[in-house]
């Protein structure tokens, strides 16, 4: 029983570290957060923090990977409740819109460009970007398999559709046109409508 309690305590500590670190990265980005701040916010010792996460890089990547997994999990739950391909595409656009200006995405971009990274980190960054586009990939594959979409190069489709959906947020940030969430949602709906007009078989 003592061993089980020890594992449970360790898991709770790790969860608390991740929660507080996430809040800090959201507020300040990657570079401005220190491990000392994480210790203070999570109320853990340095030894405990470094036991779970040997570096700030490791902690940050874990936080972003966890956020990406949650985004995909939320999408899969939403997707499973929708039957039609077209409806799923519009729902995917809304899912992207609801994640508009996610501070962790900005922090990840900052981190990726901050300095040269090791091969291991580069691979993890690549897997993150691939994971983020998985929702597009699966839906496009489903659309082609069912004959709803014109068959084409899936990898190219993924790049184009992911770029379209992710690009809306980038462009919106540098314009004064989108002042409210409903504006952003409308951009995504129009993007999906135009996309489907171009690759739908009917």
Protein backbone atom coordinates (compact mmCIF):
# COMPACT_ATOMS: atom_id res chain seq x y z
CA UNK A 1 0.00 0.00 0.00
CA UNK A 2 2.87 2.37 0.74
CA UNK A 3 4.25 1.90 -2.77
CA UNK A 4 0.86 2.62 -4.34
CA UNK A 5 0.49 5.76 -2.26
CA UNK A 6 3.95 6.88 -3.35
CA UNK A 7 3.06 6.47 -7.01
CA UNK A 8 -0.21 8.30 -6.47
CA UNK A 9 1.53 11.20 -4.73
CA UNK A 10 4.04 11.39 -7.56
CA UNK A 11 1.30 11.48 -10.19
CA UNK A 12 -0.54 14.22 -8.31
CA UNK A 13 2.64 16.25 -8.03
CA UNK A 14 3.31 15.87 -11.75
CA UNK A 15 -0.24 16.96 -12.58
CA UNK A 16 0.13 20.02 -10.38
CA UNK A 17 3.44 20.93 -12.01
CA UNK A 18 1.91 20.58 -15.49
CA UNK A 19 -1.13 22.65 -14.55
CA UNK A 20 0.89 25.52 -13.10
CA UNK A 21 3.49 25.39 -15.86
CA UNK A 22 0.73 25.52 -18.47
CA UNK A 23 -0.71 28.63 -16.83
CA UNK A 24 2.70 30.29 -16.81
CA UNK A 25 3.50 29.42 -20.43
CA UNK A 26 0.07 30.71 -21.46
CA UNK A 27 0.65 33.99 -19.63
CA UNK A 28 4.29 34.60 -20.51
CA UNK A 29 5.37 32.40 -23.41
CA UNK A 30 8.32 30.03 -23.26
CA UNK A 31 11.39 32.22 -22.75
CA UNK A 32 10.06 34.37 -19.91
CA UNK A 33 9.12 31.44 -17.65
CA UNK A 34 11.76 30.13 -15.23
CA UNK A 35 11.88 26.80 -13.46
CA UNK A 36 12.01 28.69 -10.16
CA UNK A 37 8.66 30.26 -11.02
CA UNK A 38 7.22 26.83 -11.75
CA UNK A 39 8.49 25.55 -8.40
CA UNK A 40 6.85 28.44 -6.58
CA UNK A 41 3.56 28.20 -8.47
CA UNK A 42 3.31 24.42 -8.09
CA UNK A 43 4.63 24.50 -4.50
CA UNK A 44 7.26 21.86 -5.15
CA UNK A 45 10.98 21.67 -4.50
CA UNK A 46 13.53 21.95 -7.29
CA UNK A 47 14.42 18.33 -6.71
CA UNK A 48 10.82 17.27 -7.21
CA UNK A 49 10.42 19.38 -10.33
CA UNK A 50 13.61 18.10 -11.94
CA UNK A 51 12.69 14.54 -10.99
CA UNK A 52 9.63 14.79 -13.23
CA UNK A 53 11.04 17.17 -15.85
CA UNK A 54 14.84 17.33 -16.20
CA UNK A 55 14.73 20.61 -18.15
CA UNK A 56 12.43 23.49 -19.08
CA UNK A 57 12.43 22.20 -22.65
CA UNK A 58 11.14 18.83 -21.48
CA UNK A 59 8.46 20.48 -19.35
CA UNK A 60 7.32 22.77 -22.16
CA UNK A 61 7.19 20.02 -24.77
CA UNK A 62 5.17 17.85 -22.39
CA UNK A 63 2.71 20.72 -21.82
CA UNK A 64 2.26 21.35 -25.55
CA UNK A 65 1.99 17.65 -26.38
CA UNK A 66 -0.65 17.27 -23.67
CA UNK A 67 -2.57 20.26 -25.05
CA UNK A 68 -2.44 18.84 -28.58
CA UNK A 69 -3.67 15.44 -27.40
CA UNK A 70 -6.56 17.12 -25.60
CA UNK A 71 -7.45 19.12 -28.71
CA UNK A 72 -7.51 15.95 -30.80
CA UNK A 73 -9.47 14.05 -28.16
CA UNK A 74 -12.07 16.83 -28.01
CA UNK A 75 -12.31 16.77 -31.81
CA UNK A 76 -12.76 12.98 -31.96
CA UNK A 77 -15.56 13.23 -29.41
CA UNK A 78 -17.22 15.98 -31.46
CA UNK A 79 -16.66 14.16 -34.76
CA UNK A 80 -18.18 10.92 -33.50
CA UNK A 81 -21.47 12.72 -32.84
CA UNK A 82 -21.73 13.99 -36.44
CA UNK A 83 -22.64 11.66 -39.30
CA UNK A 84 -22.26 13.63 -42.54
CA UNK A 85 -18.90 14.46 -44.14
CA UNK A 86 -19.89 18.04 -44.96
CA UNK A 87 -21.17 18.60 -41.42
CA UNK A 88 -17.90 17.21 -40.08
CA UNK A 89 -15.89 19.66 -42.16
CA UNK A 90 -17.88 22.60 -40.82
CA UNK A 91 -17.48 21.20 -37.29
CA UNK A 92 -13.72 20.96 -37.84
CA UNK A 93 -13.66 24.60 -38.89
CA UNK A 94 -15.51 25.50 -35.69
CA UNK A 95 -13.05 23.41 -33.68
CA UNK A 96 -10.18 25.42 -35.13
CA UNK A 97 -12.08 28.66 -34.52
CA UNK A 98 -12.62 27.78 -30.88
CA UNK A 99 -8.87 27.30 -30.50
CA UNK A 100 -8.19 30.66 -32.12
CA UNK A 101 -5.26 32.51 -30.55
CA UNK A 102 -4.37 29.59 -28.27
CA UNK A 103 -1.41 31.11 -26.36
CA UNK A 104 0.38 27.75 -26.31
CA UNK A 105 0.49 27.75 -30.11
CA UNK A 106 2.21 31.13 -30.01
CA UNK A 107 4.59 29.87 -27.33
CA UNK A 108 5.38 26.81 -29.45
CA UNK A 109 6.20 28.98 -32.46
CA UNK A 110 8.45 31.10 -30.25
CA UNK A 111 10.16 27.99 -28.90
CA UNK A 112 10.65 26.40 -32.33
CA UNK A 113 12.38 29.52 -33.63
CA UNK A 114 14.28 30.41 -30.46
CA UNK A 115 17.48 28.50 -31.20
CA UNK A 116 18.83 25.37 -32.91
CA UNK A 117 17.38 22.23 -31.34
CA UNK A 118 18.68 18.70 -30.93
CA UNK A 119 17.60 15.99 -33.33
CA UNK A 120 15.34 14.52 -30.63
CA UNK A 121 13.59 17.84 -30.04
CA UNK A 122 13.23 18.40 -33.79
CA UNK A 123 11.55 15.02 -34.09
CA UNK A 124 9.16 15.85 -31.25
CA UNK A 125 8.32 19.17 -32.87
CA UNK A 126 7.64 17.38 -36.16
CA UNK A 127 5.39 14.87 -34.41
CA UNK A 128 3.51 17.76 -32.79
CA UNK A 129 2.80 19.40 -36.12
CA UNK A 130 1.84 16.05 -37.63
CA UNK A 131 -0.50 15.32 -34.72
CA UNK A 132 -2.14 18.72 -35.07
CA UNK A 133 -2.90 18.00 -38.74
CA UNK A 134 -4.22 14.48 -38.06
CA UNK A 135 -7.81 15.69 -37.77
CA UNK A 136 -7.57 17.14 -41.30
CA UNK A 137 -5.88 14.01 -42.63
CA UNK A 138 -8.50 11.62 -41.27
CA UNK A 139 -11.42 13.70 -42.49
CA UNK A 140 -9.94 14.19 -45.96
CA UNK A 141 -9.24 10.46 -46.23
CA UNK A 142 -12.79 9.70 -45.18
CA UNK A 143 -14.12 12.16 -47.74
CA UNK A 144 -12.15 10.56 -50.57
CA UNK A 145 -12.98 7.01 -49.45
CA UNK A 146 -16.71 7.75 -49.48
CA UNK A 147 -16.57 9.53 -52.84
CA UNK A 148 -17.62 12.86 -51.31
CA UNK A 149 -14.31 14.49 -52.26
CA UNK A 150 -12.36 14.38 -55.49
CA UNK A 151 -9.53 11.89 -55.12
CA UNK A 152 -6.10 13.47 -54.98
CA UNK A 153 -2.76 13.44 -53.21
CA UNK A 154 -3.68 13.15 -49.53
CA UNK A 155 -0.42 14.64 -48.27
CA UNK A 156 -0.90 17.69 -50.50
CA UNK A 157 -4.51 18.03 -49.40
CA UNK A 158 -3.46 17.94 -45.74
CA UNK A 159 -0.91 20.72 -46.24
CA UNK A 160 -3.41 22.87 -48.14
CA UNK A 161 -6.33 22.40 -45.74
CA UNK A 162 -4.20 22.69 -42.59
CA UNK A 163 -2.58 25.80 -44.03
CA UNK A 164 -5.99 27.27 -44.80
CA UNK A 165 -7.39 26.65 -41.33
CA UNK A 166 -4.26 27.68 -39.44
CA UNK A 167 -3.63 30.63 -41.73
CA UNK A 168 -6.96 32.27 -40.91
CA UNK A 169 -5.84 32.91 -37.35
CA UNK A 170 -2.50 34.34 -38.51
CA UNK A 171 -4.09 36.76 -40.97
CA UNK A 172 -6.80 37.74 -38.49
CA UNK A 173 -4.16 38.76 -35.97
CA UNK A 174 -2.76 41.43 -38.26
CA UNK A 175 -6.05 42.89 -39.44
CA UNK A 176 -8.63 45.02 -37.68
CA UNK A 177 -11.55 43.21 -39.28
CA UNK A 178 -12.05 40.48 -36.70
CA UNK A 179 -13.04 42.00 -33.40
CA UNK A 180 -15.19 39.26 -31.93
CA UNK A 181 -15.35 35.44 -31.77
CA UNK A 182 -18.34 35.43 -34.11
CA UNK A 183 -16.22 37.20 -36.74
CA UNK A 184 -13.57 34.49 -36.50
CA UNK A 185 -16.21 31.76 -36.66
CA UNK A 186 -17.63 33.30 -39.83
CA UNK A 187 -14.18 33.31 -41.46
CA UNK A 188 -13.83 29.59 -40.76
CA UNK A 189 -17.31 28.78 -42.06
CA UNK A 190 -16.61 30.67 -45.29
CA UNK A 191 -13.23 28.94 -45.60
CA UNK A 192 -14.84 25.51 -45.36
CA UNK A 193 -17.58 26.50 -47.83
CA UNK A 194 -15.00 27.67 -50.38
CA UNK A 195 -12.84 24.61 -49.77
CA UNK A 196 -15.70 22.20 -50.36
CA UNK A 197 -16.76 24.03 -53.49
CA UNK A 198 -13.32 23.28 -54.88
CA UNK A 199 -12.85 19.60 -53.95
CA UNK A 200 -16.37 18.21 -53.58
CA UNK A 201 -17.36 15.70 -56.26
CA UNK A 202 -20.97 16.84 -56.61
